[in-house]
Each structure stands twice: as structure tokens, then as C-alpha cells.
PDB file of N, CA and C in Angstrom:
ATOM      1  N   MET A   1     -30.486  50.680 -31.025  1.00  0.00           N
ATOM      2  CA  MET A   1     -30.533  49.234 -30.955  1.00  0.00           C
ATOM      3  C   MET A   1     -31.928  48.779 -30.552  1.00  0.00           C
ATOM      4  N   ASN A   2     -32.310  47.700 -31.084  1.00  0.00           N
ATOM      5  CA  ASN A   2     -33.598  47.128 -30.750  1.00  0.00           C
ATOM      6  C   ASN A   2     -33.505  46.439 -29.395  1.00  0.00           C
ATOM      7  N   SER A   3     -34.431  46.741 -28.490  1.00  0.00           N
ATOM      8  CA  SER A   3     -34.357  46.174 -27.135  1.00  0.00           C
ATOM      9  C   SER A   3     -34.595  44.675 -27.124  1.00  0.00           C
ATOM     10  N   GLN A   4     -35.202  44.126 -28.183  1.00  0.00           N
ATOM     11  CA  GLN A   4     -35.435  42.685 -28.214  1.00  0.00           C
ATOM     12  C   GLN A   4     -34.169  41.909 -28.554  1.00  0.00           C
ATOM     13  N   THR A   5     -33.170  42.563 -29.115  1.00  0.00           N
ATOM     14  CA  THR A   5     -31.919  41.869 -29.433  1.00  0.00           C
ATOM     15  C   THR A   5     -30.947  41.907 -28.259  1.00  0.00           C
ATOM     16  N   LEU A   6     -31.179  42.784 -27.293  1.00  0.00           N
ATOM     17  CA  LEU A   6     -30.299  42.875 -26.136  1.00  0.00           C
ATOM     18  C   LEU A   6     -30.650  41.799 -25.114  1.00  0.00           C
ATOM     19  N   PRO A   7     -29.643  41.201 -24.491  1.00  0.00           N
ATOM     20  CA  PRO A   7     -29.941  40.195 -23.462  1.00  0.00           C
ATOM     21  C   PRO A   7     -30.539  40.868 -22.228  1.00  0.00           C
ATOM     22  N   SER A   8     -31.449  40.189 -21.601  1.00  0.00           N
ATOM     23  CA  SER A   8     -32.097  40.745 -20.417  1.00  0.00           C
ATOM     24  C   SER A   8     -31.211  40.551 -19.190  1.00  0.00           C
ATOM     25  N   TYR A   9     -31.528  41.284 -18.138  1.00  0.00           N
ATOM     26  CA  TYR A   9     -30.769  41.178 -16.892  1.00  0.00           C
ATOM     27  C   TYR A   9     -30.845  39.758 -16.342  1.00  0.00           C
ATOM     28  N   ASP A  10     -32.028  39.157 -16.425  1.00  0.00           N
ATOM     29  CA  ASP A  10     -32.196  37.793 -15.899  1.00  0.00           C
ATOM     30  C   ASP A  10     -31.297  36.794 -16.621  1.00  0.00           C
ATOM     31  N   SER A  11     -31.209  36.916 -17.936  1.00  0.00           N
ATOM     32  CA  SER A  11     -30.372  35.966 -18.675  1.00  0.00           C
ATOM     33  C   SER A  11     -28.885  36.194 -18.396  1.00  0.00           C
ATOM     34  N   LEU A  12     -28.497  37.441 -18.138  1.00  0.00           N
ATOM     35  CA  LEU A  12     -27.084  37.724 -17.851  1.00  0.00           C
ATOM     36  C   LEU A  12     -26.698  37.368 -16.418  1.00  0.00           C
ATOM     37  N   SER A  13     -27.651  37.368 -15.506  1.00  0.00           N
ATOM     38  CA  SER A  13     -27.329  37.110 -14.101  1.00  0.00           C
ATOM     39  C   SER A  13     -27.287  35.619 -13.772  1.00  0.00           C
ATOM     40  N   ARG A  14     -27.765  34.784 -14.673  1.00  0.00           N
ATOM     41  CA  ARG A  14     -27.703  33.337 -14.436  1.00  0.00           C
ATOM     42  C   ARG A  14     -26.277  32.837 -14.626  1.00  0.00           C
ATOM     43  N   PRO A  15     -25.803  31.921 -13.763  1.00  0.00           N
ATOM     44  CA  PRO A  15     -24.436  31.384 -13.942  1.00  0.00           C
ATOM     45  C   PRO A  15     -24.334  30.560 -15.235  1.00  0.00           C
ATOM     46  N   LEU A  16     -23.156  30.602 -15.813  1.00  0.00           N
ATOM     47  CA  LEU A  16     -22.914  29.832 -17.030  1.00  0.00           C
ATOM     48  C   LEU A  16     -22.808  28.352 -16.697  1.00  0.00           C
ATOM     49  N   PRO A  17     -23.174  27.472 -17.617  1.00  0.00           N
ATOM     50  CA  PRO A  17     -22.945  26.040 -17.398  1.00  0.00           C
ATOM     51  C   PRO A  17     -21.445  25.754 -17.303  1.00  0.00           C
ATOM     52  N   ILE A  18     -21.083  24.728 -16.594  1.00  0.00           N
ATOM     53  CA  ILE A  18     -19.673  24.396 -16.358  1.00  0.00           C
ATOM     54  C   ILE A  18     -18.922  24.162 -17.670  1.00  0.00           C
ATOM     55  N   TRP A  19     -19.565  23.596 -18.668  1.00  0.00           N
ATOM     56  CA  TRP A  19     -18.909  23.265 -19.933  1.00  0.00           C
ATOM     57  C   TRP A  19     -18.841  24.441 -20.909  1.00  0.00           C
ATOM     58  N   HIS A  20     -19.392  25.575 -20.555  1.00  0.00           N
ATOM     59  CA  HIS A  20     -19.371  26.751 -21.438  1.00  0.00           C
ATOM     60  C   HIS A  20     -17.927  27.261 -21.553  1.00  0.00           C
ATOM     61  N   PRO A  21     -17.464  27.623 -22.747  1.00  0.00           N
ATOM     62  CA  PRO A  21     -16.070  28.073 -22.919  1.00  0.00           C
ATOM     63  C   PRO A  21     -15.685  29.241 -22.014  1.00  0.00           C
ATOM     64  N   LYS A  22     -16.581  30.193 -21.800  1.00  0.00           N
ATOM     65  CA  LYS A  22     -16.254  31.323 -20.923  1.00  0.00           C
ATOM     66  C   LYS A  22     -16.103  30.868 -19.475  1.00  0.00           C
ATOM     67  N   ALA A  23     -16.917  29.918 -19.046  1.00  0.00           N
ATOM     68  CA  ALA A  23     -16.813  29.399 -17.677  1.00  0.00           C
ATOM     69  C   ALA A  23     -15.481  28.683 -17.485  1.00  0.00           C
ATOM     70  N   ILE A  24     -15.070  27.928 -18.484  1.00  0.00           N
ATOM     71  CA  ILE A  24     -13.785  27.223 -18.418  1.00  0.00           C
ATOM     72  C   ILE A  24     -12.639  28.227 -18.388  1.00  0.00           C
ATOM     73  N   TYR A  25     -12.717  29.240 -19.251  1.00  0.00           N
ATOM     74  CA  TYR A  25     -11.672  30.264 -19.308  1.00  0.00           C
ATOM     75  C   TYR A  25     -11.520  30.970 -17.959  1.00  0.00           C
ATOM     76  N   TYR A  26     -12.629  31.447 -17.398  1.00  0.00           N
ATOM     77  CA  TYR A  26     -12.557  32.187 -16.144  1.00  0.00           C
ATOM     78  C   TYR A  26     -12.132  31.292 -14.978  1.00  0.00           C
ATOM     79  N   SER A  27     -12.466  30.015 -15.023  1.00  0.00           N
ATOM     80  CA  SER A  27     -11.998  29.082 -13.995  1.00  0.00           C
ATOM     81  C   SER A  27     -10.488  28.915 -14.063  1.00  0.00           C
ATOM     82  N   LEU A  28      -9.963  28.794 -15.289  1.00  0.00           N
ATOM     83  CA  LEU A  28      -8.514  28.656 -15.460  1.00  0.00           C
ATOM     84  C   LEU A  28      -7.781  29.922 -15.023  1.00  0.00           C
ATOM     85  N   VAL A  29      -8.312  31.091 -15.371  1.00  0.00           N
ATOM     86  CA  VAL A  29      -7.683  32.346 -14.966  1.00  0.00           C
ATOM     87  C   VAL A  29      -7.677  32.456 -13.443  1.00  0.00           C
ATOM     88  N   ARG A  30      -8.793  32.124 -12.804  1.00  0.00           N
ATOM     89  CA  ARG A  30      -8.877  32.175 -11.341  1.00  0.00           C
ATOM     90  C   ARG A  30      -7.838  31.229 -10.715  1.00  0.00           C
ATOM     91  N   LEU A  31      -7.723  30.014 -11.284  1.00  0.00           N
ATOM     92  CA  LEU A  31      -6.757  29.036 -10.776  1.00  0.00           C
ATOM     93  C   LEU A  31      -5.321  29.548 -10.938  1.00  0.00           C
ATOM     94  N   LEU A  32      -4.995  30.122 -12.083  1.00  0.00           N
ATOM     95  CA  LEU A  32      -3.644  30.638 -12.311  1.00  0.00           C
ATOM     96  C   LEU A  32      -3.318  31.805 -11.382  1.00  0.00           C
ATOM     97  N   PHE A  33      -4.290  32.689 -11.163  1.00  0.00           N
ATOM     98  CA  PHE A  33      -4.070  33.810 -10.245  1.00  0.00           C
ATOM     99  C   PHE A  33      -3.817  33.311  -8.832  1.00  0.00           C
ATOM    100  N   GLN A  34      -4.531  32.286  -8.415  1.00  0.00           N
ATOM    101  CA  GLN A  34      -4.406  31.808  -7.044  1.00  0.00           C
ATOM    102  C   GLN A  34      -3.182  30.920  -6.840  1.00  0.00           C
ATOM    103  N   THR A  35      -2.571  30.443  -7.910  1.00  0.00           N
ATOM    104  CA  THR A  35      -1.391  29.580  -7.782  1.00  0.00           C
ATOM    105  C   THR A  35      -0.138  30.306  -8.271  1.00  0.00           C
ATOM    106  N   ILE A  36       0.057  30.342  -9.569  1.00  0.00           N
ATOM    107  CA  ILE A  36       1.256  30.951 -10.143  1.00  0.00           C
ATOM    108  C   ILE A  36       1.279  32.456  -9.899  1.00  0.00           C
ATOM    109  N   GLY A  37       0.122  33.077  -9.857  1.00  0.00           N
ATOM    110  CA  GLY A  37       0.040  34.512  -9.631  1.00  0.00           C
ATOM    111  C   GLY A  37       0.613  34.951  -8.296  1.00  0.00           C
ATOM    112  N   GLN A  38       0.674  34.040  -7.331  1.00  0.00           N
ATOM    113  CA  GLN A  38       1.221  34.361  -6.015  1.00  0.00           C
ATOM    114  C   GLN A  38       2.714  34.657  -6.071  1.00  0.00           C
ATOM    115  N   LEU A  39       3.365  34.317  -7.179  1.00  0.00           N
ATOM    116  CA  LEU A  39       4.788  34.622  -7.335  1.00  0.00           C
ATOM    117  C   LEU A  39       5.021  36.103  -7.614  1.00  0.00           C
ATOM    118  N   SER A  40       3.980  36.805  -8.025  1.00  0.00           N
ATOM    119  CA  SER A  40       4.081  38.223  -8.348  1.00  0.00           C
ATOM    120  C   SER A  40       3.491  39.051  -7.216  1.00  0.00           C
ATOM    121  N   ASP A  41       4.233  40.069  -6.783  1.00  0.00           N
ATOM    122  CA  ASP A  41       3.715  40.946  -5.730  1.00  0.00           C
ATOM    123  C   ASP A  41       2.490  41.718  -6.204  1.00  0.00           C
ATOM    124  N   GLY A  42       2.447  42.068  -7.484  1.00  0.00           N
ATOM    125  CA  GLY A  42       1.307  42.810  -8.022  1.00  0.00           C
ATOM    126  C   GLY A  42       0.022  41.996  -7.983  1.00  0.00           C
ATOM    127  N   ILE A  43       0.088  40.744  -8.393  1.00  0.00           N
ATOM    128  CA  ILE A  43      -1.101  39.877  -8.362  1.00  0.00           C
ATOM    129  C   ILE A  43      -1.509  39.622  -6.911  1.00  0.00           C
ATOM    130  N   ARG A  44      -0.515  39.401  -6.053  1.00  0.00           N
ATOM    131  CA  ARG A  44      -0.816  39.162  -4.634  1.00  0.00           C
ATOM    132  C   ARG A  44      -1.523  40.369  -4.017  1.00  0.00           C
ATOM    133  N   LEU A  45      -1.038  41.576  -4.325  1.00  0.00           N
ATOM    134  CA  LEU A  45      -1.691  42.794  -3.833  1.00  0.00           C
ATOM    135  C   LEU A  45      -3.115  42.922  -4.374  1.00  0.00           C
ATOM    136  N   GLY A  46      -3.278  42.648  -5.665  1.00  0.00           N
ATOM    137  CA  GLY A  46      -4.592  42.748  -6.282  1.00  0.00           C
ATOM    138  C   GLY A  46      -5.593  41.791  -5.675  1.00  0.00           C
ATOM    139  N   LEU A  47      -5.160  40.563  -5.403  1.00  0.00           N
ATOM    140  CA  LEU A  47      -6.063  39.592  -4.799  1.00  0.00           C
ATOM    141  C   LEU A  47      -6.410  39.965  -3.359  1.00  0.00           C
ATOM    142  N   LYS A  48      -5.464  40.572  -2.663  1.00  0.00           N
ATOM    143  CA  LYS A  48      -5.696  40.915  -1.253  1.00  0.00           C
ATOM    144  C   LYS A  48      -6.544  42.178  -1.090  1.00  0.00           C
ATOM    145  N   TYR A  49      -6.219  43.239  -1.825  1.00  0.00           N
ATOM    146  CA  TYR A  49      -6.873  44.537  -1.635  1.00  0.00           C
ATOM    147  C   TYR A  49      -7.848  44.903  -2.748  1.00  0.00           C
ATOM    148  N   GLY A  50      -7.824  44.168  -3.854  1.00  0.00           N
ATOM    149  CA  GLY A  50      -8.668  44.503  -5.003  1.00  0.00           C
ATOM    150  C   GLY A  50      -7.828  45.181  -6.070  1.00  0.00           C
ATOM    151  N   PHE A  51      -8.108  44.868  -7.312  1.00  0.00           N
ATOM    152  CA  PHE A  51      -7.306  45.394  -8.405  1.00  0.00           C
ATOM    153  C   PHE A  51      -7.599  46.862  -8.700  1.00  0.00           C
ATOM    154  N   ASP A  52      -8.649  47.400  -8.110  1.00  0.00           N
ATOM    155  CA  ASP A  52      -8.954  48.811  -8.307  1.00  0.00           C
ATOM    156  C   ASP A  52      -8.764  49.618  -7.026  1.00  0.00           C
ATOM    157  N   SER A  53      -7.939  49.114  -6.109  1.00  0.00           N
ATOM    158  CA  SER A  53      -7.712  49.787  -4.829  1.00  0.00           C
ATOM    159  C   SER A  53      -6.571  50.800  -4.932  1.00  0.00           C
ATOM    160  N   GLY A  54      -6.470  51.648  -3.939  1.00  0.00           N
ATOM    161  CA  GLY A  54      -5.394  52.629  -3.887  1.00  0.00           C
ATOM    162  C   GLY A  54      -4.037  51.984  -3.739  1.00  0.00           C
ATOM    163  N   VAL A  55      -3.976  50.880  -2.990  1.00  0.00           N
ATOM    164  CA  VAL A  55      -2.711  50.160  -2.800  1.00  0.00           C
ATOM    165  C   VAL A  55      -2.202  49.643  -4.147  1.00  0.00           C
ATOM    166  N   MET A  56      -3.109  49.106  -4.943  1.00  0.00           N
ATOM    167  CA  MET A  56      -2.727  48.583  -6.251  1.00  0.00           C
ATOM    168  C   MET A  56      -2.303  49.719  -7.180  1.00  0.00           C
ATOM    169  N   LEU A  57      -2.991  50.839  -7.103  1.00  0.00           N
ATOM    170  CA  LEU A  57      -2.644  51.993  -7.931  1.00  0.00           C
ATOM    171  C   LEU A  57      -1.237  52.497  -7.599  1.00  0.00           C
ATOM    172  N   GLU A  58      -0.899  52.533  -6.311  1.00  0.00           N
ATOM    173  CA  GLU A  58       0.452  52.933  -5.909  1.00  0.00           C
ATOM    174  C   GLU A  58       1.494  51.971  -6.459  1.00  0.00           C
ATOM    175  N   TYR A  59       1.185  50.676  -6.428  1.00  0.00           N
ATOM    176  CA  TYR A  59       2.104  49.671  -6.952  1.00  0.00           C
ATOM    177  C   TYR A  59       2.319  49.876  -8.456  1.00  0.00           C
ATOM    178  N   VAL A  60       1.247  50.133  -9.190  1.00  0.00           N
ATOM    179  CA  VAL A  60       1.354  50.324 -10.639  1.00  0.00           C
ATOM    180  C   VAL A  60       2.154  51.584 -10.960  1.00  0.00           C
ATOM    181  N   TYR A  61       1.899  52.675 -10.238  1.00  0.00           N
ATOM    182  CA  TYR A  61       2.616  53.929 -10.513  1.00  0.00           C
ATOM    183  C   TYR A  61       4.089  53.845 -10.135  1.00  0.00           C
ATOM    184  N   ARG A  62       4.423  52.918  -9.242  1.00  0.00           N
ATOM    185  CA  ARG A  62       5.832  52.723  -8.905  1.00  0.00           C
ATOM    186  C   ARG A  62       6.607  52.209 -10.121  1.00  0.00           C
ATOM    187  N   ASN A  63       5.910  51.468 -10.995  1.00  0.00           N
ATOM    188  CA  ASN A  63       6.467  51.000 -12.268  1.00  0.00           C
ATOM    189  C   ASN A  63       7.714  50.142 -12.086  1.00  0.00           C
ATOM    190  N   ARG A  64       7.743  49.345 -11.034  1.00  0.00           N
ATOM    191  CA  ARG A  64       8.832  48.406 -10.785  1.00  0.00           C
ATOM    192  C   ARG A  64       8.237  47.051 -10.409  1.00  0.00           C
ATOM    193  N   PRO A  65       8.382  46.037 -11.267  1.00  0.00           N
ATOM    194  CA  PRO A  65       7.845  44.727 -10.911  1.00  0.00           C
ATOM    195  C   PRO A  65       8.609  44.138  -9.733  1.00  0.00           C
ATOM    196  N   SER A  66       7.909  43.411  -8.901  1.00  0.00           N
ATOM    197  CA  SER A  66       8.576  42.737  -7.787  1.00  0.00           C
ATOM    198  C   SER A  66       7.880  41.422  -7.518  1.00  0.00           C
ATOM    199  N   GLY A  67       8.621  40.529  -6.920  1.00  0.00           N
ATOM    200  CA  GLY A  67       8.115  39.193  -6.638  1.00  0.00           C
ATOM    201  C   GLY A  67       9.283  38.224  -6.655  1.00  0.00           C
ATOM    202  N   ILE A  68       8.992  36.991  -6.977  1.00  0.00           N
ATOM    203  CA  ILE A  68      10.036  35.975  -7.073  1.00  0.00           C
ATOM    204  C   ILE A  68      10.922  36.315  -8.273  1.00  0.00           C
ATOM    205  N   ARG A  69      12.195  36.485  -8.033  1.00  0.00           N
ATOM    206  CA  ARG A  69      13.133  36.979  -9.047  1.00  0.00           C
ATOM    207  C   ARG A  69      13.230  36.070 -10.272  1.00  0.00           C
ATOM    208  N   ASP A  70      13.333  34.764 -10.082  1.00  0.00           N
ATOM    209  CA  ASP A  70      13.478  33.857 -11.225  1.00  0.00           C
ATOM    210  C   ASP A  70      12.241  33.897 -12.108  1.00  0.00           C
ATOM    211  N   PHE A  71      11.084  34.046 -11.506  1.00  0.00           N
ATOM    212  CA  PHE A  71       9.847  34.124 -12.278  1.00  0.00           C
ATOM    213  C   PHE A  71       9.850  35.369 -13.152  1.00  0.00           C
ATOM    214  N   GLN A  72      10.367  36.468 -12.635  1.00  0.00           N
ATOM    215  CA  GLN A  72      10.428  37.710 -13.416  1.00  0.00           C
ATOM    216  C   GLN A  72      11.334  37.540 -14.632  1.00  0.00           C
ATOM    217  N   LYS A  73      12.463  36.849 -14.439  1.00  0.00           N
ATOM    218  CA  LYS A  73      13.378  36.628 -15.560  1.00  0.00           C
ATOM    219  C   LYS A  73      12.720  35.776 -16.638  1.00  0.00           C
ATOM    220  N   ILE A  74      12.003  34.731 -16.219  1.00  0.00           N
ATOM    221  CA  ILE A  74      11.312  33.860 -17.172  1.00  0.00           C
ATOM    222  C   ILE A  74      10.236  34.648 -17.899  1.00  0.00           C
ATOM    223  N   ASN A  75       9.458  35.435 -17.166  1.00  0.00           N
ATOM    224  CA  ASN A  75       8.385  36.230 -17.757  1.00  0.00           C
ATOM    225  C   ASN A  75       8.950  37.233 -18.752  1.00  0.00           C
ATOM    226  N   TYR A  76      10.048  37.901 -18.401  1.00  0.00           N
ATOM    227  CA  TYR A  76      10.676  38.880 -19.290  1.00  0.00           C
ATOM    228  C   TYR A  76      11.168  38.189 -20.558  1.00  0.00           C
ATOM    229  N   SER A  77      11.795  37.020 -20.416  1.00  0.00           N
ATOM    230  CA  SER A  77      12.301  36.288 -21.578  1.00  0.00           C
ATOM    231  C   SER A  77      11.163  35.869 -22.494  1.00  0.00           C
ATOM    232  N   CYS A  78      10.073  35.372 -21.906  1.00  0.00           N
ATOM    233  CA  CYS A  78       8.924  34.952 -22.710  1.00  0.00           C
ATOM    234  C   CYS A  78       8.311  36.144 -23.423  1.00  0.00           C
ATOM    235  N   SER A  79       8.252  37.280 -22.759  1.00  0.00           N
ATOM    236  CA  SER A  79       7.692  38.487 -23.382  1.00  0.00           C
ATOM    237  C   SER A  79       8.533  38.895 -24.584  1.00  0.00           C
ATOM    238  N   ARG A  80       9.841  38.826 -24.455  1.00  0.00           N
ATOM    239  CA  ARG A  80      10.716  39.204 -25.562  1.00  0.00           C
ATOM    240  C   ARG A  80      10.557  38.241 -26.728  1.00  0.00           C
ATOM    241  N   ILE A  81      10.422  36.954 -26.442  1.00  0.00           N
ATOM    242  CA  ILE A  81      10.247  35.958 -27.501  1.00  0.00           C
ATOM    243  C   ILE A  81       8.935  36.196 -28.234  1.00  0.00           C
ATOM    244  N   ILE A  82       7.881  36.489 -27.483  1.00  0.00           N
ATOM    245  CA  ILE A  82       6.576  36.746 -28.101  1.00  0.00           C
ATOM    246  C   ILE A  82       6.646  37.978 -28.988  1.00  0.00           C
ATOM    247  N   ILE A  83       7.343  39.017 -28.527  1.00  0.00           N
ATOM    248  CA  ILE A  83       7.474  40.233 -29.327  1.00  0.00           C
ATOM    249  C   ILE A  83       8.272  39.964 -30.596  1.00  0.00           C
ATOM    250  N   ILE A  84       9.362  39.202 -30.475  1.00  0.00           N
ATOM    251  CA  ILE A  84      10.204  38.887 -31.640  1.00  0.00           C
ATOM    252  C   ILE A  84       9.433  38.060 -32.667  1.00  0.00           C
ATOM    253  N   LEU A  85       8.674  37.057 -32.176  1.00  0.00           N
ATOM    254  CA  LEU A  85       7.934  36.199 -33.087  1.00  0.00           C
ATOM    255  C   LEU A  85       6.682  36.879 -33.626  1.00  0.00           C
ATOM    256  N   GLY A  86       6.241  37.923 -32.953  1.00  0.00           N
ATOM    257  CA  GLY A  86       5.044  38.627 -33.403  1.00  0.00           C
ATOM    258  C   GLY A  86       3.773  37.853 -33.124  1.00  0.00           C
ATOM    259  N   VAL A  87       3.793  37.044 -32.087  1.00  0.00           N
ATOM    260  CA  VAL A  87       2.613  36.236 -31.732  1.00  0.00           C
ATOM    261  C   VAL A  87       1.618  37.081 -30.997  1.00  0.00           C
TER     262      VAL A  87
END
């Protein structure tokens, strides 16, 4: 690859403008994790200890979702609908 086509460290380390689509996307994801994500024990653990921590790894290997029960039912139903529709 030509080094002139690669973005420099300085250009990558600058914050994105607020109106940039990636900035909007990551803001929305952060907001959802901090609000609706609190209903899931996995998201709560990830936010508290880090998503690459040993605690999170133990939770993933347990392979049992936990959290607010009604939210799990809604999430499972939506997942099945998405799979059926092929979206």
C-alpha cells in the first residue's frame, strides 16, 4: 500500500465533528448501552468491568442470558422475527 493513501495518526486521533454519521452512530450506541442496556446483566457487567475482562469472559462461557426477564422474551421474539424475515 502506498503510505500517502493511508490516514496519518494525527488525522485519526482528532475527534469527529458532531454531525458526522459515525459520531452520531457511536453516540446512539453509547446512549442505548447506558439506558436500555442496563436491563441485561451482560451489558451491565461489560460496562462495569470492561468487555474484555475475565468477569465478562466467564459470563459469556456460562452461555445463559440473564437480566430483566420480560426484556429477554421481547429480545428473543424480535430475534426470531428477524431470522424468519431474513432481515
